[in-house]
Amino acid sequence: MNRENENKNKNSNFESFNLLKKEFKKLVEENNLLNEPIEAHPVNVQLDTTRISDYPLLNGKEFLLRAFFKGAVGDAFTGDLKEFKGTIAEVLESDYNPLVIATLNAVMRYLGLTEKTEHCIKNEPEICAKKLSEYIVSELGTNIKIGIIGYHPAIIKQMVDTFGKENVMATDLDFNNIGRIKHGIVIYHADMNEYLIKNSDIVLSTGSTAANGTIFEILDMAKKYNKRIIFYGTTVAGVSKILNLERFCECGK
C-alpha cells in the first residue's frame, strides 16, 4: 500500500469512527447518561495454555481494557496499558479509541442492547473456534476458502483442522507473527487484507478491528468484493449492533 492510499484510509477511518462516536453520544443523551461516571482499566484473562500457548493476550503485545459501568462491563483489545476514571462525556471527548469502544460495550450492555461483552476464559476460545467452524460447515460445507484477519491462534488452528491449510489464509499486524508459520500456515501482513478478502469465500475478522479503527476499511473491501464477513469476539459487541454486522461470540460473558 503506498503512502497516499495509507493516509487516505486513515482519514476515512477517522471520519467513520467520529460518526460512530456521534451515534454513541446520541444513545447516551437519549438515556441521560452523559455525565454518569465510568472507569476502565486493563484486566488479566485466565486462558488455558495446555494446547495453545501463543494467545496475544499472554505475550505482552495486547491487553484487555475493561470498562465498568453500573454493574455492566465492556471489553476492548488495546496495545496500551491505560486507565481511566471520569464521565461518559469525557470518554466521548477522548481520542483513545479502545476506551470509547470498551465504554460503548459497557453502556450498551447496561441498556440491554447487546450481550457477551466480557472476554471468555480458560479453554473457551477453543470451544468458540470449534463452534464457529461447525457453524460455517453447516451453512457452506467444507470445500471453501477461509480468510482470517487478525491473529487468533485457536480460530486459525481450528479452521486449518477443519478446512485444510491450503484453504486458510491469515493476516496480522504483529511483526512477531508476520512471515512465520503458525498452526500450519504462514501469517501475512495486514497489507494483504484486500487480497485475502478477494480470494476467500468467507472472511473471519477479529473484533479488535473496531478498537484500532481498521474495521471500516475492512468493511469497504468486503463490500467491494461482495464477501460475507463474520466478526468474532467481545470488542465488536456494540459496534456490530450499531452497524448491523454479523458477529460470532459463543463463550463471551
Protein backbone atom coordinates (compact mmCIF):
# COMPACT_ATOMS: atom_id res chain seq x y z
CA MET A 1 0.00 0.00 0.00
CA ASN A 2 1.51 3.38 -0.99
CA ARG A 3 1.71 6.33 1.42
CA GLU A 4 -1.09 8.28 -0.32
CA ASN A 5 -3.56 5.38 -0.04
CA GLU A 6 -2.46 4.72 3.54
CA ASN A 7 -3.18 8.33 4.53
CA LYS A 8 -6.48 8.20 2.66
CA ASN A 9 -7.53 5.09 4.59
CA LYS A 10 -6.51 6.67 7.91
CA ASN A 11 -8.59 9.76 7.16
CA SER A 12 -11.56 7.63 6.14
CA ASN A 13 -11.25 5.53 9.30
CA PHE A 14 -11.05 8.69 11.41
CA GLU A 15 -14.20 10.12 9.85
CA SER A 16 -16.08 6.83 10.21
CA PHE A 17 -15.07 6.49 13.85
CA ASN A 18 -16.28 10.02 14.54
CA LEU A 19 -19.65 9.09 13.05
CA LEU A 20 -19.72 6.09 15.36
CA LYS A 21 -18.98 8.35 18.33
CA LYS A 22 -21.89 10.58 17.28
CA GLU A 23 -24.22 7.58 17.36
CA PHE A 24 -22.87 6.67 20.78
CA LYS A 25 -23.35 10.23 22.04
CA LYS A 26 -26.91 10.24 20.78
CA LEU A 27 -27.56 6.98 22.65
CA VAL A 28 -26.22 8.24 25.98
CA GLU A 29 -28.02 11.57 25.64
CA GLU A 30 -31.33 9.80 24.99
CA ASN A 31 -30.79 7.82 28.20
CA ASN A 32 -29.46 10.74 30.28
CA LEU A 33 -26.10 9.03 30.83
CA LEU A 34 -23.72 11.67 29.51
CA ASN A 35 -22.50 12.82 32.93
CA GLU A 36 -22.54 9.40 34.57
CA PRO A 37 -19.22 8.12 35.98
CA ILE A 38 -17.35 5.23 34.41
CA GLU A 39 -13.93 3.70 34.90
CA ALA A 40 -11.74 1.42 32.85
CA HIS A 41 -8.51 -0.45 33.40
CA PRO A 42 -6.62 -3.43 31.93
CA VAL A 43 -7.56 -6.85 33.29
CA ASN A 44 -5.93 -10.26 33.19
CA VAL A 45 -7.71 -13.10 31.42
CA GLN A 46 -7.06 -16.63 32.59
CA LEU A 47 -6.63 -18.76 29.47
CA ASP A 48 -5.78 -22.44 29.23
CA THR A 49 -2.40 -22.84 27.54
CA THR A 50 -2.33 -26.64 27.56
CA ARG A 51 -2.81 -26.91 23.79
CA ILE A 52 -2.37 -23.29 22.63
CA SER A 53 0.19 -21.03 24.26
CA ASP A 54 0.56 -18.07 21.89
CA TYR A 55 -2.56 -16.03 22.60
CA PRO A 56 -1.81 -12.31 22.01
CA LEU A 57 -3.17 -11.53 25.49
CA LEU A 58 -0.44 -13.68 27.02
CA ASN A 59 2.61 -12.41 25.14
CA GLY A 60 2.54 -8.81 26.35
CA LYS A 61 1.66 -7.41 22.93
CA GLU A 62 -2.04 -6.87 23.58
CA PHE A 63 -4.07 -6.07 26.65
CA LEU A 64 -7.74 -6.20 27.51
CA LEU A 65 -9.20 -2.87 28.59
CA ARG A 66 -12.38 -3.36 30.62
CA ALA A 67 -14.89 -0.60 31.28
CA PHE A 68 -17.10 -0.82 34.37
CA PHE A 69 -20.48 0.91 34.32
CA LYS A 70 -23.35 0.39 36.77
CA GLY A 71 -22.65 -3.32 37.18
CA ALA A 72 -22.07 -3.92 33.47
CA VAL A 73 -18.69 -4.40 31.83
CA GLY A 74 -17.38 -3.89 28.32
CA ASP A 75 -14.08 -5.07 26.86
CA ALA A 76 -11.80 -3.79 24.12
CA PHE A 77 -8.42 -5.01 22.94
CA THR A 78 -5.60 -2.48 23.03
CA GLY A 79 -1.86 -2.26 22.71
CA ASP A 80 -1.61 0.32 25.50
CA LEU A 81 -1.74 -0.03 29.26
CA LYS A 82 -4.01 2.87 30.15
CA GLU A 83 -6.54 3.54 32.88
CA PHE A 84 -9.46 5.94 33.02
CA LYS A 85 -11.83 7.31 35.60
CA GLY A 86 -14.29 10.03 34.66
CA THR A 87 -17.60 10.60 32.90
CA ILE A 88 -19.01 9.24 29.66
CA ALA A 89 -18.85 12.79 28.29
CA GLU A 90 -15.10 12.76 28.87
CA VAL A 91 -14.83 9.40 27.13
CA LEU A 92 -16.55 10.85 24.09
CA GLU A 93 -14.02 13.68 24.02
CA SER A 94 -11.16 11.19 24.12
CA ASP A 95 -9.21 10.18 21.03
CA TYR A 96 -8.28 6.85 22.65
CA ASN A 97 -10.44 4.53 20.58
CA PRO A 98 -10.21 1.41 22.80
CA LEU A 99 -11.63 3.41 25.72
CA VAL A 100 -14.51 4.59 23.55
CA ILE A 101 -15.23 1.03 22.38
CA ALA A 102 -14.99 -0.50 25.87
CA THR A 103 -17.33 2.19 27.21
CA LEU A 104 -19.74 1.70 24.32
CA ASN A 105 -19.85 -2.02 25.08
CA ALA A 106 -20.43 -1.49 28.80
CA VAL A 107 -23.15 1.10 28.27
CA MET A 108 -24.97 -0.94 25.63
CA ARG A 109 -24.74 -3.99 27.87
CA TYR A 110 -26.21 -1.95 30.75
CA LEU A 111 -29.05 -0.83 28.48
CA GLY A 112 -29.70 -4.39 27.30
CA LEU A 113 -28.82 -3.53 23.70
CA THR A 114 -26.02 -6.07 23.29
CA GLU A 115 -24.62 -9.15 25.00
CA LYS A 116 -21.39 -11.06 25.57
CA THR A 117 -19.23 -8.02 26.27
CA GLU A 118 -16.83 -9.80 28.64
CA HIS A 119 -13.99 -11.97 27.29
CA CYS A 120 -14.14 -15.74 27.69
CA ILE A 121 -11.72 -17.69 29.91
CA LYS A 122 -9.83 -20.98 30.29
CA ASN A 123 -10.29 -23.22 27.20
CA GLU A 124 -13.35 -21.36 25.94
CA PRO A 125 -11.54 -19.77 22.94
CA GLU A 126 -11.03 -23.31 21.64
CA ILE A 127 -14.67 -24.15 22.26
CA CYS A 128 -15.71 -20.99 20.44
CA ALA A 129 -13.45 -21.79 17.50
CA LYS A 130 -14.94 -25.28 17.24
CA LYS A 131 -18.48 -23.91 17.31
CA LEU A 132 -17.59 -21.33 14.68
CA SER A 133 -16.19 -23.98 12.35
CA GLU A 134 -19.32 -26.09 12.82
CA TYR A 135 -21.48 -23.06 12.07
CA ILE A 136 -19.61 -22.38 8.83
CA VAL A 137 -19.68 -26.03 7.75
CA SER A 138 -23.42 -26.24 8.40
CA GLU A 139 -24.00 -23.32 6.02
CA LEU A 140 -21.24 -23.62 3.42
CA GLY A 141 -19.73 -27.09 3.68
CA THR A 142 -16.00 -27.78 3.90
CA ASN A 143 -14.87 -27.08 0.32
CA ILE A 144 -14.37 -23.35 0.83
CA LYS A 145 -11.57 -20.85 1.35
CA ILE A 146 -11.39 -19.08 4.71
CA GLY A 147 -9.74 -15.70 5.24
CA ILE A 148 -8.84 -14.69 8.81
CA ILE A 149 -7.99 -11.10 9.69
CA GLY A 150 -6.12 -10.84 12.98
CA TYR A 151 -4.07 -13.50 14.72
CA HIS A 152 -6.33 -15.69 16.84
CA PRO A 153 -4.47 -18.97 17.37
CA ALA A 154 -7.49 -21.04 18.43
CA ILE A 155 -9.53 -19.98 15.42
CA ILE A 156 -6.63 -20.40 12.98
CA LYS A 157 -5.81 -23.85 14.34
CA GLN A 158 -9.45 -24.96 14.16
CA MET A 159 -10.00 -23.63 10.64
CA VAL A 160 -6.84 -25.37 9.43
CA ASP A 161 -8.00 -28.61 11.07
CA THR A 162 -11.47 -28.31 9.53
CA PHE A 163 -10.85 -26.86 6.08
CA GLY A 164 -7.20 -27.74 5.42
CA LYS A 165 -4.17 -25.47 5.46
CA GLU A 166 -4.37 -24.95 1.69
CA ASN A 167 -7.78 -23.30 2.19
CA VAL A 168 -6.93 -20.94 5.05
CA MET A 169 -5.15 -17.59 4.86
CA ALA A 170 -4.49 -15.22 7.77
CA THR A 171 -3.11 -11.71 8.26
CA ASP A 172 -1.94 -9.75 11.28
CA LEU A 173 -0.24 -6.51 12.35
CA ASP A 174 2.19 -8.04 14.87
CA PHE A 175 5.65 -8.43 13.36
CA ASN A 176 6.30 -11.31 15.77
CA ASN A 177 3.69 -13.26 13.78
CA ILE A 178 4.11 -11.91 10.26
CA GLY A 179 6.08 -14.18 7.94
CA ARG A 180 6.07 -17.05 10.41
CA ILE A 181 4.33 -20.39 10.17
CA LYS A 182 1.66 -20.60 12.85
CA HIS A 183 -0.55 -23.66 13.23
CA GLY A 184 0.34 -24.85 9.76
CA ILE A 185 0.03 -21.63 7.73
CA VAL A 186 2.10 -18.53 7.04
CA ILE A 187 0.79 -15.34 8.67
CA TYR A 188 0.82 -12.44 6.22
CA HIS A 189 0.98 -8.71 6.86
CA ALA A 190 -2.33 -6.82 7.06
CA ASP A 191 -1.33 -5.09 3.81
CA MET A 192 -2.60 -8.34 2.27
CA ASN A 193 -6.12 -7.88 3.64
CA GLU A 194 -7.61 -6.91 0.29
CA TYR A 195 -6.01 -9.91 -1.43
CA LEU A 196 -7.27 -12.12 1.42
CA ILE A 197 -10.82 -10.80 1.15
CA LYS A 198 -10.88 -11.02 -2.64
CA ASN A 199 -9.72 -14.65 -2.62
CA SER A 200 -11.81 -16.00 0.28
CA ASP A 201 -15.31 -17.45 0.23
CA ILE A 202 -15.91 -16.14 3.74
CA VAL A 203 -13.87 -13.79 5.95
CA LEU A 204 -13.47 -14.03 9.73
CA SER A 205 -12.24 -10.83 11.35
CA THR A 206 -11.19 -10.12 14.88
CA GLY A 207 -13.47 -7.66 16.62
CA SER A 208 -10.41 -5.73 17.79
CA THR A 209 -10.53 -4.00 14.40
CA ALA A 210 -13.32 -1.94 15.98
CA ALA A 211 -10.84 -0.63 18.56
CA ASN A 212 -7.95 0.09 16.19
CA GLY A 213 -10.23 1.68 13.60
CA THR A 214 -9.42 -0.64 10.69
CA ILE A 215 -12.91 -2.16 10.74
CA PHE A 216 -14.19 0.46 8.31
CA GLU A 217 -11.67 -0.20 5.54
CA ILE A 218 -12.22 -3.95 6.03
CA LEU A 219 -15.96 -3.43 5.60
CA ASP A 220 -15.34 -1.35 2.48
CA MET A 221 -13.20 -4.10 0.95
CA ALA A 222 -15.75 -6.79 1.83
CA LYS A 223 -18.42 -4.69 0.14
CA LYS A 224 -16.20 -4.12 -2.90
CA TYR A 225 -15.81 -7.85 -3.47
CA ASN A 226 -19.27 -8.80 -2.18
CA LYS A 227 -17.84 -11.05 0.53
CA ARG A 228 -19.52 -12.23 3.69
CA ILE A 229 -17.62 -11.26 6.81
CA ILE A 230 -18.11 -12.52 10.36
CA PHE A 231 -16.61 -10.53 13.22
CA TYR A 232 -15.75 -12.52 16.31
CA GLY A 233 -15.18 -11.64 19.95
CA THR A 234 -16.32 -9.16 22.58
CA THR A 235 -14.66 -5.95 21.38
CA VAL A 236 -17.07 -5.62 18.46
CA ALA A 237 -20.22 -6.23 20.52
CA GLY A 238 -21.61 -2.69 20.47
CA VAL A 239 -20.34 -1.73 17.04
CA SER A 240 -21.88 -4.84 15.47
CA LYS A 241 -25.30 -3.77 16.77
CA ILE A 242 -24.94 -0.17 15.59
CA LEU A 243 -23.61 -1.14 12.15
CA ASN A 244 -25.73 -4.31 11.84
CA LEU A 245 -22.75 -6.62 11.35
CA GLU A 246 -22.65 -10.39 11.61
CA ARG A 247 -20.92 -11.37 14.84
CA PHE A 248 -19.98 -14.68 16.44
CA CYS A 249 -19.12 -14.98 20.12
CA GLU A 250 -20.00 -18.37 21.59
CA CYS A 251 -18.46 -18.13 25.04
CA GLY A 252 -18.37 -14.42 25.93
CA LYS A 253 -19.92 -13.49 29.23
